[in-house]
Amino acid sequence: MDIQFLYYALAIVLILVGIAGVLLPALPGLPLVFTGMLLAAWAGDFQQIGWVTLAVLGVLTALSFVVDIISTAIGAQRVGASRKALLGTVIGTFAGLFFMPIGLLAGPFVGALLGELWHGREFRQATKVGLGTWLGIVLGVVLKLGLAFAMLGLFVFAWIF
């Protein structure tokens, strides 16, 4: 079996796992997508995918980190979340992984809600913070999916043309 074929197969697996990682917070989504694309470019001796394309893909990958941080922060700030709510969101997100698929959606909300209750807020305000933080996370996922498909489109375009 040709070793280049194995590199391409591994690149495809990394890209697919990376796209799943955009939805699953335990996986580094777009960095895995980028790694798969870099591996495919390397396997092809950078003939189809050059350094300029890889640099743009790298910038898009870096942008995904910014999107992650800012979207959650904006969602939390708009509703006045405390640090305990943000901590609760992180804990709830990871705890939610054990209760898939519902836990993936409910975990961040419940974590932020409990964090706000721990902070001493009333239930109504805590619910508002939980919802706002959760909406920020959902916005981040949507934006990262857009970045993932932009990266795929750029990669395919560069490969073909």
N, C-alpha and C. Protein backbone atom coordinates (compact mmCIF):
# COMPACT_ATOMS: atom_id res chain seq x y z
N MET A 1 0.84 -1.17 0.00
CA MET A 1 0.00 0.00 0.00
C MET A 1 0.89 1.24 0.00
N ASP A 2 0.51 2.20 -0.75
CA ASP A 2 1.28 3.44 -0.89
C ASP A 2 1.19 4.26 0.40
N ILE A 3 2.33 4.73 0.90
CA ILE A 3 2.37 5.50 2.14
C ILE A 3 1.64 6.84 1.97
N GLN A 4 1.69 7.39 0.76
CA GLN A 4 1.01 8.66 0.51
C GLN A 4 -0.50 8.50 0.70
N PHE A 5 -1.03 7.35 0.29
CA PHE A 5 -2.45 7.07 0.49
C PHE A 5 -2.80 7.10 1.99
N LEU A 6 -1.92 6.52 2.81
CA LEU A 6 -2.16 6.52 4.25
C LEU A 6 -2.16 7.93 4.82
N TYR A 7 -1.26 8.77 4.32
CA TYR A 7 -1.22 10.17 4.77
C TYR A 7 -2.52 10.89 4.41
N TYR A 8 -2.99 10.67 3.19
CA TYR A 8 -4.24 11.31 2.78
C TYR A 8 -5.42 10.80 3.60
N ALA A 9 -5.44 9.49 3.87
CA ALA A 9 -6.52 8.90 4.67
C ALA A 9 -6.50 9.49 6.08
N LEU A 10 -5.32 9.61 6.67
CA LEU A 10 -5.21 10.20 8.00
C LEU A 10 -5.63 11.67 7.98
N ALA A 11 -5.28 12.38 6.91
CA ALA A 11 -5.68 13.78 6.78
C ALA A 11 -7.19 13.91 6.75
N ILE A 12 -7.86 13.03 6.02
CA ILE A 12 -9.32 13.07 5.94
C ILE A 12 -9.93 12.77 7.31
N VAL A 13 -9.38 11.80 8.02
CA VAL A 13 -9.88 11.47 9.36
C VAL A 13 -9.72 12.67 10.29
N LEU A 14 -8.55 13.32 10.24
CA LEU A 14 -8.32 14.49 11.09
C LEU A 14 -9.31 15.60 10.78
N ILE A 15 -9.59 15.82 9.51
CA ILE A 15 -10.53 16.87 9.11
C ILE A 15 -11.94 16.54 9.61
N LEU A 16 -12.36 15.30 9.44
CA LEU A 16 -13.70 14.90 9.88
C LEU A 16 -13.84 14.96 11.40
N VAL A 17 -12.82 14.48 12.11
CA VAL A 17 -12.85 14.56 13.58
C VAL A 17 -12.82 16.02 14.02
N GLY A 18 -12.08 16.84 13.30
CA GLY A 18 -12.03 18.27 13.61
C GLY A 18 -13.38 18.94 13.45
N ILE A 19 -14.09 18.59 12.39
CA ILE A 19 -15.43 19.16 12.19
C ILE A 19 -16.35 18.72 13.32
N ALA A 20 -16.25 17.45 13.72
CA ALA A 20 -17.02 16.99 14.88
C ALA A 20 -16.61 17.76 16.13
N GLY A 21 -15.33 18.09 16.22
CA GLY A 21 -14.82 18.83 17.36
C GLY A 21 -15.33 20.25 17.48
N VAL A 22 -15.82 20.79 16.38
CA VAL A 22 -16.45 22.11 16.45
C VAL A 22 -17.71 22.03 17.31
N LEU A 23 -18.38 20.88 17.23
CA LEU A 23 -19.61 20.68 18.00
C LEU A 23 -19.36 20.11 19.39
N LEU A 24 -18.28 19.34 19.53
CA LEU A 24 -17.96 18.71 20.81
C LEU A 24 -16.82 19.46 21.47
N PRO A 25 -17.07 20.10 22.60
CA PRO A 25 -16.05 20.95 23.19
C PRO A 25 -14.80 20.22 23.70
N ALA A 26 -14.84 18.90 23.79
CA ALA A 26 -13.67 18.17 24.28
C ALA A 26 -12.61 18.01 23.21
N LEU A 27 -12.96 18.26 21.97
CA LEU A 27 -12.01 18.11 20.86
C LEU A 27 -11.61 19.47 20.32
N PRO A 28 -10.34 19.64 19.99
CA PRO A 28 -9.90 20.92 19.40
C PRO A 28 -10.28 20.96 17.92
N GLY A 29 -11.50 21.37 17.62
CA GLY A 29 -12.07 21.29 16.28
C GLY A 29 -11.23 21.83 15.15
N LEU A 30 -11.14 23.14 15.04
CA LEU A 30 -10.45 23.72 13.88
C LEU A 30 -8.94 23.46 13.88
N PRO A 31 -8.29 23.36 15.02
CA PRO A 31 -6.87 22.95 14.94
C PRO A 31 -6.70 21.56 14.33
N LEU A 32 -7.63 20.64 14.59
CA LEU A 32 -7.56 19.33 13.95
C LEU A 32 -7.83 19.42 12.45
N VAL A 33 -8.79 20.26 12.07
CA VAL A 33 -9.06 20.47 10.64
C VAL A 33 -7.80 21.00 9.96
N PHE A 34 -7.18 22.00 10.57
CA PHE A 34 -5.95 22.58 10.01
C PHE A 34 -4.83 21.54 9.92
N THR A 35 -4.69 20.74 10.97
CA THR A 35 -3.65 19.70 10.97
C THR A 35 -3.87 18.71 9.83
N GLY A 36 -5.12 18.33 9.62
CA GLY A 36 -5.43 17.42 8.51
C GLY A 36 -5.10 18.05 7.16
N MET A 37 -5.42 19.32 7.00
CA MET A 37 -5.12 20.00 5.74
C MET A 37 -3.62 20.17 5.54
N LEU A 38 -2.92 20.46 6.61
CA LEU A 38 -1.46 20.57 6.54
C LEU A 38 -0.84 19.23 6.16
N LEU A 39 -1.34 18.15 6.74
CA LEU A 39 -0.85 16.81 6.41
C LEU A 39 -1.11 16.48 4.94
N ALA A 40 -2.29 16.82 4.45
CA ALA A 40 -2.61 16.57 3.03
C ALA A 40 -1.69 17.38 2.12
N ALA A 41 -1.44 18.63 2.49
CA ALA A 41 -0.54 19.47 1.69
C ALA A 41 0.86 18.89 1.70
N TRP A 42 1.32 18.45 2.86
CA TRP A 42 2.65 17.87 2.97
C TRP A 42 2.75 16.57 2.17
N ALA A 43 1.70 15.73 2.25
CA ALA A 43 1.69 14.45 1.52
C ALA A 43 1.78 14.69 0.02
N GLY A 44 1.24 15.81 -0.44
CA GLY A 44 1.30 16.16 -1.85
C GLY A 44 2.49 17.05 -2.19
N ASP A 45 3.50 17.09 -1.31
CA ASP A 45 4.70 17.92 -1.51
C ASP A 45 4.36 19.38 -1.77
N PHE A 46 3.27 19.85 -1.20
CA PHE A 46 2.84 21.25 -1.31
C PHE A 46 2.64 21.69 -2.77
N GLN A 47 2.32 20.72 -3.63
CA GLN A 47 2.09 21.03 -5.05
C GLN A 47 0.72 21.65 -5.26
N GLN A 48 -0.32 21.08 -4.64
CA GLN A 48 -1.67 21.61 -4.80
C GLN A 48 -1.96 22.73 -3.80
N ILE A 49 -1.44 22.58 -2.60
CA ILE A 49 -1.70 23.54 -1.53
C ILE A 49 -0.36 24.18 -1.17
N GLY A 50 -0.27 25.47 -1.41
CA GLY A 50 0.98 26.18 -1.15
C GLY A 50 0.98 26.86 0.21
N TRP A 51 2.08 27.55 0.47
CA TRP A 51 2.27 28.20 1.76
C TRP A 51 1.30 29.36 1.98
N VAL A 52 0.93 30.05 0.92
CA VAL A 52 -0.02 31.16 1.09
C VAL A 52 -1.37 30.63 1.56
N THR A 53 -1.83 29.58 0.92
CA THR A 53 -3.10 28.97 1.33
C THR A 53 -3.01 28.47 2.76
N LEU A 54 -1.91 27.82 3.10
CA LEU A 54 -1.74 27.32 4.47
C LEU A 54 -1.69 28.46 5.48
N ALA A 55 -1.09 29.56 5.10
CA ALA A 55 -1.05 30.72 6.01
C ALA A 55 -2.45 31.26 6.26
N VAL A 56 -3.26 31.35 5.20
CA VAL A 56 -4.64 31.82 5.36
C VAL A 56 -5.43 30.84 6.23
N LEU A 57 -5.25 29.54 5.98
CA LEU A 57 -5.92 28.54 6.81
C LEU A 57 -5.47 28.64 8.27
N GLY A 58 -4.21 28.92 8.49
CA GLY A 58 -3.70 29.11 9.85
C GLY A 58 -4.32 30.31 10.53
N VAL A 59 -4.49 31.39 9.79
CA VAL A 59 -5.12 32.60 10.34
C VAL A 59 -6.58 32.30 10.70
N LEU A 60 -7.28 31.58 9.84
CA LEU A 60 -8.67 31.21 10.14
C LEU A 60 -8.74 30.32 11.38
N THR A 61 -7.77 29.43 11.53
CA THR A 61 -7.72 28.58 12.72
C THR A 61 -7.50 29.43 13.97
N ALA A 62 -6.57 30.36 13.90
CA ALA A 62 -6.32 31.26 15.04
C ALA A 62 -7.56 32.10 15.35
N LEU A 63 -8.27 32.51 14.31
CA LEU A 63 -9.48 33.28 14.49
C LEU A 63 -10.54 32.49 15.27
N SER A 64 -10.52 31.17 15.12
CA SER A 64 -11.50 30.34 15.83
C SER A 64 -11.32 30.45 17.34
N PHE A 65 -10.08 30.61 17.80
CA PHE A 65 -9.84 30.78 19.24
C PHE A 65 -10.43 32.10 19.72
N VAL A 66 -10.25 33.12 18.92
CA VAL A 66 -10.80 34.44 19.25
C VAL A 66 -12.32 34.38 19.30
N VAL A 67 -12.91 33.72 18.31
CA VAL A 67 -14.38 33.57 18.25
C VAL A 67 -14.88 32.86 19.50
N ASP A 68 -14.20 31.80 19.89
CA ASP A 68 -14.59 31.03 21.07
C ASP A 68 -14.64 31.91 22.32
N ILE A 69 -13.58 32.63 22.54
CA ILE A 69 -13.46 33.45 23.75
C ILE A 69 -14.45 34.60 23.72
N ILE A 70 -14.50 35.30 22.61
CA ILE A 70 -15.33 36.50 22.53
C ILE A 70 -16.82 36.17 22.56
N SER A 71 -17.24 35.12 21.86
CA SER A 71 -18.67 34.81 21.82
C SER A 71 -19.20 34.44 23.20
N THR A 72 -18.45 33.64 23.93
CA THR A 72 -18.89 33.28 25.28
C THR A 72 -18.87 34.51 26.19
N ALA A 73 -17.82 35.29 26.09
CA ALA A 73 -17.70 36.48 26.94
C ALA A 73 -18.81 37.49 26.64
N ILE A 74 -19.11 37.69 25.37
CA ILE A 74 -20.17 38.64 25.00
C ILE A 74 -21.51 38.16 25.52
N GLY A 75 -21.80 36.87 25.33
CA GLY A 75 -23.06 36.33 25.82
C GLY A 75 -23.17 36.49 27.33
N ALA A 76 -22.07 36.24 28.04
CA ALA A 76 -22.08 36.35 29.50
C ALA A 76 -22.14 37.81 29.95
N GLN A 77 -21.38 38.67 29.30
CA GLN A 77 -21.34 40.08 29.70
C GLN A 77 -22.68 40.77 29.49
N ARG A 78 -23.34 40.45 28.40
CA ARG A 78 -24.60 41.12 28.09
C ARG A 78 -25.66 40.88 29.15
N VAL A 79 -25.51 39.81 29.88
CA VAL A 79 -26.50 39.51 30.92
C VAL A 79 -25.91 39.64 32.32
N GLY A 80 -24.69 40.15 32.42
CA GLY A 80 -24.08 40.42 33.72
C GLY A 80 -23.61 39.21 34.48
N ALA A 81 -23.02 38.26 33.80
CA ALA A 81 -22.56 37.02 34.44
C ALA A 81 -21.38 37.29 35.38
N SER A 82 -21.35 36.55 36.46
CA SER A 82 -20.23 36.62 37.39
C SER A 82 -19.14 35.64 36.95
N ARG A 83 -17.99 35.73 37.59
CA ARG A 83 -16.91 34.77 37.31
C ARG A 83 -17.34 33.35 37.67
N LYS A 84 -18.14 33.23 38.70
CA LYS A 84 -18.62 31.91 39.11
C LYS A 84 -19.53 31.31 38.03
N ALA A 85 -20.28 32.15 37.35
CA ALA A 85 -21.12 31.66 36.26
C ALA A 85 -20.26 31.16 35.11
N LEU A 86 -19.19 31.90 34.80
CA LEU A 86 -18.29 31.46 33.73
C LEU A 86 -17.60 30.15 34.10
N LEU A 87 -17.19 30.03 35.35
CA LEU A 87 -16.60 28.78 35.82
C LEU A 87 -17.63 27.66 35.73
N GLY A 88 -18.85 27.95 36.13
CA GLY A 88 -19.92 26.96 36.04
C GLY A 88 -20.18 26.54 34.60
N THR A 89 -20.06 27.48 33.67
CA THR A 89 -20.25 27.17 32.25
C THR A 89 -19.21 26.17 31.78
N VAL A 90 -17.97 26.39 32.15
CA VAL A 90 -16.89 25.49 31.75
C VAL A 90 -17.11 24.10 32.35
N ILE A 91 -17.40 24.07 33.64
CA ILE A 91 -17.63 22.78 34.30
C ILE A 91 -18.86 22.09 33.72
N GLY A 92 -19.91 22.84 33.50
CA GLY A 92 -21.13 22.27 32.93
C GLY A 92 -20.94 21.74 31.52
N THR A 93 -20.10 22.43 30.75
CA THR A 93 -19.82 21.97 29.39
C THR A 93 -19.15 20.60 29.41
N PHE A 94 -18.14 20.45 30.25
CA PHE A 94 -17.44 19.17 30.31
C PHE A 94 -18.29 18.09 30.98
N ALA A 95 -19.06 18.44 31.98
CA ALA A 95 -19.94 17.47 32.61
C ALA A 95 -21.02 17.01 31.62
N GLY A 96 -21.46 17.92 30.78
CA GLY A 96 -22.47 17.58 29.79
C GLY A 96 -22.03 16.53 28.79
N LEU A 97 -20.72 16.40 28.61
CA LEU A 97 -20.21 15.38 27.68
C LEU A 97 -20.58 13.97 28.12
N PHE A 98 -20.80 13.78 29.40
CA PHE A 98 -21.16 12.45 29.91
C PHE A 98 -22.64 12.14 29.73
N PHE A 99 -23.41 13.13 29.31
CA PHE A 99 -24.86 12.95 29.15
C PHE A 99 -25.28 13.36 27.74
N MET A 100 -24.52 12.88 26.76
CA MET A 100 -24.76 13.24 25.37
C MET A 100 -26.11 12.72 24.90
N PRO A 101 -26.79 13.32 23.99
CA PRO A 101 -26.52 14.62 23.39
C PRO A 101 -27.14 15.78 24.17
N ILE A 102 -28.11 15.46 25.05
CA ILE A 102 -28.79 16.51 25.81
C ILE A 102 -27.81 17.28 26.69
N GLY A 103 -26.88 16.58 27.29
CA GLY A 103 -25.91 17.22 28.17
C GLY A 103 -25.06 18.26 27.47
N LEU A 104 -24.82 18.05 26.20
CA LEU A 104 -24.02 18.99 25.42
C LEU A 104 -24.72 20.34 25.31
N LEU A 105 -26.04 20.30 25.24
CA LEU A 105 -26.81 21.54 25.16
C LEU A 105 -27.14 22.09 26.54
N ALA A 106 -27.49 21.20 27.48
CA ALA A 106 -27.92 21.65 28.80
C ALA A 106 -26.77 21.96 29.74
N GLY A 107 -25.63 21.30 29.58
CA GLY A 107 -24.51 21.44 30.50
C GLY A 107 -24.04 22.88 30.71
N PRO A 108 -23.74 23.63 29.63
CA PRO A 108 -23.29 25.01 29.83
C PRO A 108 -24.35 25.88 30.50
N PHE A 109 -25.61 25.69 30.12
CA PHE A 109 -26.70 26.47 30.72
C PHE A 109 -26.82 26.18 32.21
N VAL A 110 -26.87 24.89 32.56
CA VAL A 110 -27.02 24.51 33.97
C VAL A 110 -25.80 24.97 34.77
N GLY A 111 -24.62 24.84 34.19
CA GLY A 111 -23.40 25.28 34.88
C GLY A 111 -23.42 26.77 35.18
N ALA A 112 -23.81 27.57 34.20
CA ALA A 112 -23.88 29.02 34.41
C ALA A 112 -24.97 29.37 35.43
N LEU A 113 -26.09 28.70 35.33
CA LEU A 113 -27.19 28.93 36.27
C LEU A 113 -26.73 28.63 37.70
N LEU A 114 -26.10 27.47 37.90
CA LEU A 114 -25.64 27.10 39.24
C LEU A 114 -24.54 28.04 39.73
N GLY A 115 -23.67 28.47 38.81
CA GLY A 115 -22.64 29.43 39.18
C GLY A 115 -23.22 30.74 39.67
N GLU A 116 -24.27 31.20 39.02
CA GLU A 116 -24.92 32.44 39.44
C GLU A 116 -25.65 32.27 40.76
N LEU A 117 -26.29 31.12 40.95
CA LEU A 117 -26.94 30.86 42.23
C LEU A 117 -25.91 30.81 43.35
N TRP A 118 -24.76 30.21 43.07
CA TRP A 118 -23.66 30.15 44.03
C TRP A 118 -23.16 31.56 44.36
N HIS A 119 -23.20 32.42 43.36
CA HIS A 119 -22.77 33.81 43.52
C HIS A 119 -23.77 34.60 44.38
N GLY A 120 -24.96 34.04 44.56
CA GLY A 120 -25.94 34.69 45.41
C GLY A 120 -27.04 35.42 44.65
N ARG A 121 -27.13 35.19 43.37
CA ARG A 121 -28.17 35.84 42.57
C ARG A 121 -29.50 35.12 42.73
N GLU A 122 -30.56 35.85 42.45
CA GLU A 122 -31.90 35.27 42.46
C GLU A 122 -32.04 34.32 41.27
N PHE A 123 -32.99 33.40 41.40
CA PHE A 123 -33.19 32.39 40.36
C PHE A 123 -33.47 33.01 38.99
N ARG A 124 -34.28 34.03 38.97
CA ARG A 124 -34.63 34.68 37.70
C ARG A 124 -33.40 35.26 37.01
N GLN A 125 -32.57 35.97 37.76
CA GLN A 125 -31.34 36.54 37.19
C GLN A 125 -30.36 35.43 36.80
N ALA A 126 -30.29 34.39 37.62
CA ALA A 126 -29.40 33.27 37.31
C ALA A 126 -29.83 32.58 36.02
N THR A 127 -31.12 32.44 35.82
CA THR A 127 -31.64 31.84 34.59
C THR A 127 -31.29 32.71 33.38
N LYS A 128 -31.44 33.99 33.54
CA LYS A 128 -31.11 34.93 32.47
C LYS A 128 -29.63 34.83 32.10
N VAL A 129 -28.77 34.75 33.10
CA VAL A 129 -27.33 34.61 32.85
C VAL A 129 -27.03 33.28 32.18
N GLY A 130 -27.66 32.21 32.67
CA GLY A 130 -27.45 30.89 32.06
C GLY A 130 -27.83 30.89 30.59
N LEU A 131 -28.98 31.48 30.28
CA LEU A 131 -29.43 31.54 28.89
C LEU A 131 -28.51 32.41 28.03
N GLY A 132 -28.11 33.56 28.55
CA GLY A 132 -27.22 34.45 27.79
C GLY A 132 -25.88 33.82 27.51
N THR A 133 -25.33 33.15 28.51
CA THR A 133 -24.04 32.47 28.34
C THR A 133 -24.18 31.34 27.33
N TRP A 134 -25.25 30.58 27.44
CA TRP A 134 -25.50 29.47 26.51
C TRP A 134 -25.65 29.99 25.08
N LEU A 135 -26.38 31.10 24.91
CA LEU A 135 -26.54 31.67 23.57
C LEU A 135 -25.19 32.13 22.99
N GLY A 136 -24.32 32.64 23.85
CA GLY A 136 -22.98 33.02 23.40
C GLY A 136 -22.19 31.81 22.90
N ILE A 137 -22.33 30.70 23.61
CA ILE A 137 -21.64 29.47 23.19
C ILE A 137 -22.21 28.98 21.87
N VAL A 138 -23.52 29.00 21.73
CA VAL A 138 -24.16 28.57 20.48
C VAL A 138 -23.70 29.47 19.32
N LEU A 139 -23.65 30.76 19.55
CA LEU A 139 -23.15 31.68 18.53
C LEU A 139 -21.73 31.33 18.13
N GLY A 140 -20.90 31.01 19.12
CA GLY A 140 -19.52 30.61 18.85
C GLY A 140 -19.44 29.36 17.99
N VAL A 141 -20.28 28.38 18.29
CA VAL A 141 -20.30 27.13 17.52
C VAL A 141 -20.71 27.42 16.07
N VAL A 142 -21.73 28.24 15.90
CA VAL A 142 -22.20 28.58 14.55
C VAL A 142 -21.09 29.30 13.77
N LEU A 143 -20.43 30.25 14.43
CA LEU A 143 -19.33 30.97 13.75
C LEU A 143 -18.17 30.03 13.43
N LYS A 144 -17.85 29.12 14.34
CA LYS A 144 -16.76 28.18 14.08
C LYS A 144 -17.12 27.20 12.96
N LEU A 145 -18.39 26.81 12.88
CA LEU A 145 -18.81 25.96 11.75
C LEU A 145 -18.64 26.72 10.44
N GLY A 146 -18.99 28.00 10.46
CA GLY A 146 -18.77 28.83 9.27
C GLY A 146 -17.30 28.88 8.90
N LEU A 147 -16.43 29.04 9.90
CA LEU A 147 -14.99 29.05 9.63
C LEU A 147 -14.53 27.70 9.10
N ALA A 148 -15.06 26.61 9.65
CA ALA A 148 -14.67 25.27 9.19
C ALA A 148 -15.03 25.08 7.72
N PHE A 149 -16.23 25.50 7.34
CA PHE A 149 -16.63 25.32 5.94
C PHE A 149 -15.91 26.30 5.02
N ALA A 150 -15.56 27.48 5.53
CA ALA A 150 -14.74 28.40 4.74
C ALA A 150 -13.36 27.79 4.51
N MET A 151 -12.81 27.17 5.53
CA MET A 151 -11.51 26.52 5.39
C MET A 151 -11.59 25.37 4.38
N LEU A 152 -12.64 24.58 4.49
CA LEU A 152 -12.81 23.47 3.54
C LEU A 152 -12.96 23.99 2.11
N GLY A 153 -13.75 25.03 1.95
CA GLY A 153 -13.94 25.61 0.62
C GLY A 153 -12.64 26.14 0.05
N LEU A 154 -11.88 26.86 0.86
CA LEU A 154 -10.59 27.38 0.42
C LEU A 154 -9.63 26.25 0.06
N PHE A 155 -9.61 25.22 0.89
CA PHE A 155 -8.72 24.09 0.64
C PHE A 155 -9.07 23.38 -0.66
N VAL A 156 -10.35 23.10 -0.86
CA VAL A 156 -10.79 22.42 -2.09
C VAL A 156 -10.51 23.30 -3.31
N PHE A 157 -10.80 24.58 -3.19
CA PHE A 157 -10.54 25.51 -4.31
C PHE A 157 -9.05 25.53 -4.66
N ALA A 158 -8.20 25.63 -3.65
CA ALA A 158 -6.76 25.65 -3.90
C ALA A 158 -6.28 24.31 -4.48
N TRP A 159 -6.87 23.22 -4.04
CA TRP A 159 -6.45 21.90 -4.52
C TRP A 159 -6.81 21.72 -6.00
N ILE A 160 -8.01 22.20 -6.37
CA ILE A 160 -8.48 22.01 -7.75
C ILE A 160 -7.85 23.01 -8.71
N PHE A 161 -7.71 24.26 -8.26
CA PHE A 161 -7.23 25.29 -9.16
C PHE A 161 -5.81 25.65 -8.79
